[in-house]
PDB file of N, CA and C in Angstrom:
ATOM      1  N   VAL A   1       0.853  -1.206   0.000  1.00  0.00           N
ATOM      2  CA  VAL A   1       0.000   0.000   0.000  1.00  0.00           C
ATOM      3  C   VAL A   1       0.881   1.246   0.000  1.00  0.00           C
ATOM      4  N   CYS A   2       0.767   2.061  -1.071  1.00  0.00           N
ATOM      5  CA  CYS A   2       1.616   3.258  -1.178  1.00  0.00           C
ATOM      6  C   CYS A   2       0.773   4.420  -1.696  1.00  0.00           C
ATOM      7  N   PRO A   3       0.178   5.186  -0.802  1.00  0.00           N
ATOM      8  CA  PRO A   3      -0.648   6.328  -1.233  1.00  0.00           C
ATOM      9  C   PRO A   3       0.181   7.373  -1.957  1.00  0.00           C
ATOM     10  N   LYS A   4      -0.247   7.755  -3.160  1.00  0.00           N
ATOM     11  CA  LYS A   4       0.534   8.741  -3.928  1.00  0.00           C
ATOM     12  C   LYS A   4       0.358  10.139  -3.339  1.00  0.00           C
ATOM     13  N   GLY A   5      -0.779  10.378  -2.707  1.00  0.00           N
ATOM     14  CA  GLY A   5      -1.035  11.710  -2.144  1.00  0.00           C
ATOM     15  C   GLY A   5      -0.140  11.982  -0.944  1.00  0.00           C
ATOM     16  N   LEU A   6       0.289  10.920  -0.261  1.00  0.00           N
ATOM     17  CA  LEU A   6       1.129  11.123   0.936  1.00  0.00           C
ATOM     18  C   LEU A   6       2.600  11.148   0.553  1.00  0.00           C
ATOM     19  N   ASN A   7       3.380  11.905   1.314  1.00  0.00           N
ATOM     20  CA  ASN A   7       4.822  11.967   1.038  1.00  0.00           C
ATOM     21  C   ASN A   7       5.509  10.717   1.576  1.00  0.00           C
ATOM     22  N   PRO A   8       6.628  10.310   0.972  1.00  0.00           N
ATOM     23  CA  PRO A   8       7.353   9.113   1.431  1.00  0.00           C
ATOM     24  C   PRO A   8       7.742   9.233   2.893  1.00  0.00           C
ATOM     25  N   THR A   9       8.148  10.423   3.291  1.00  0.00           N
ATOM     26  CA  THR A   9       8.564  10.604   4.694  1.00  0.00           C
ATOM     27  C   THR A   9       7.366  10.407   5.611  1.00  0.00           C
ATOM     28  N   LYS A  10       6.233  10.959   5.230  1.00  0.00           N
ATOM     29  CA  LYS A  10       5.041  10.837   6.074  1.00  0.00           C
ATOM     30  C   LYS A  10       4.582   9.384   6.081  1.00  0.00           C
ATOM     31  N   ALA A  11       4.649   8.734   4.941  1.00  0.00           N
ATOM     32  CA  ALA A  11       4.230   7.329   4.855  1.00  0.00           C
ATOM     33  C   ALA A  11       5.099   6.484   5.776  1.00  0.00           C
ATOM     34  N   ILE A  12       6.408   6.721   5.744  1.00  0.00           N
ATOM     35  CA  ILE A  12       7.332   5.958   6.602  1.00  0.00           C
ATOM     36  C   ILE A  12       6.986   6.215   8.060  1.00  0.00           C
ATOM     37  N   GLY A  13       6.711   7.448   8.391  1.00  0.00           N
ATOM     38  CA  GLY A  13       6.382   7.786   9.777  1.00  0.00           C
ATOM     39  C   GLY A  13       5.120   7.059  10.208  1.00  0.00           C
ATOM     40  N   LYS A  14       4.145   6.991   9.323  1.00  0.00           N
ATOM     41  CA  LYS A  14       2.888   6.318   9.677  1.00  0.00           C
ATOM     42  C   LYS A  14       3.140   4.821   9.859  1.00  0.00           C
ATOM     43  N   ILE A  15       3.916   4.246   8.957  1.00  0.00           N
ATOM     44  CA  ILE A  15       4.221   2.804   9.051  1.00  0.00           C
ATOM     45  C   ILE A  15       4.974   2.526  10.341  1.00  0.00           C
ATOM     46  N   LYS A  16       5.914   3.406  10.668  1.00  0.00           N
ATOM     47  CA  LYS A  16       6.705   3.213  11.903  1.00  0.00           C
ATOM     48  C   LYS A  16       5.778   3.295  13.110  1.00  0.00           C
ATOM     49  N   GLU A  17       4.879   4.240  13.082  1.00  0.00           N
ATOM     50  CA  GLU A  17       3.954   4.407  14.217  1.00  0.00           C
ATOM     51  C   GLU A  17       3.081   3.152  14.348  1.00  0.00           C
ATOM     52  N   LEU A  18       2.610   2.633  13.219  1.00  0.00           N
ATOM     53  CA  LEU A  18       1.769   1.432  13.262  1.00  0.00           C
ATOM     54  C   LEU A  18       2.572   0.265  13.826  1.00  0.00           C
ATOM     55  N   MET A  19       3.817   0.126  13.388  1.00  0.00           N
ATOM     56  CA  MET A  19       4.666  -0.974  13.870  1.00  0.00           C
ATOM     57  C   MET A  19       4.888  -0.823  15.371  1.00  0.00           C
ATOM     58  N   VAL A  20       5.175   0.386  15.807  1.00  0.00           N
ATOM     59  CA  VAL A  20       5.432   0.620  17.237  1.00  0.00           C
ATOM     60  C   VAL A  20       4.166   0.310  18.032  1.00  0.00           C
ATOM     61  N   ARG A  21       3.028   0.741  17.519  1.00  0.00           N
ATOM     62  CA  ARG A  21       1.765   0.500  18.242  1.00  0.00           C
ATOM     63  C   ARG A  21       1.489  -0.994  18.305  1.00  0.00           C
ATOM     64  N   ARG A  22       1.829  -1.703  17.249  1.00  0.00           N
ATOM     65  CA  ARG A  22       1.577  -3.157  17.223  1.00  0.00           C
ATOM     66  C   ARG A  22       2.555  -3.840  18.176  1.00  0.00           C
ATOM     67  N   ALA A  23       3.784  -3.378  18.205  1.00  0.00           N
ATOM     68  CA  ALA A  23       4.808  -3.999  19.065  1.00  0.00           C
ATOM     69  C   ALA A  23       4.421  -3.806  20.529  1.00  0.00           C
ATOM     70  N   VAL A  24       3.913  -2.623  20.855  1.00  0.00           N
ATOM     71  CA  VAL A  24       3.573  -2.348  22.263  1.00  0.00           C
ATOM     72  C   VAL A  24       2.342  -3.181  22.641  1.00  0.00           C
TER      73      VAL A  24
END
């Protein structure tokens, strides 16, 4: 899933946040 409207940096940040939330 790679939204074109979102920036790569923002997408990475969102993915990282999701991973962190899942890990916790």
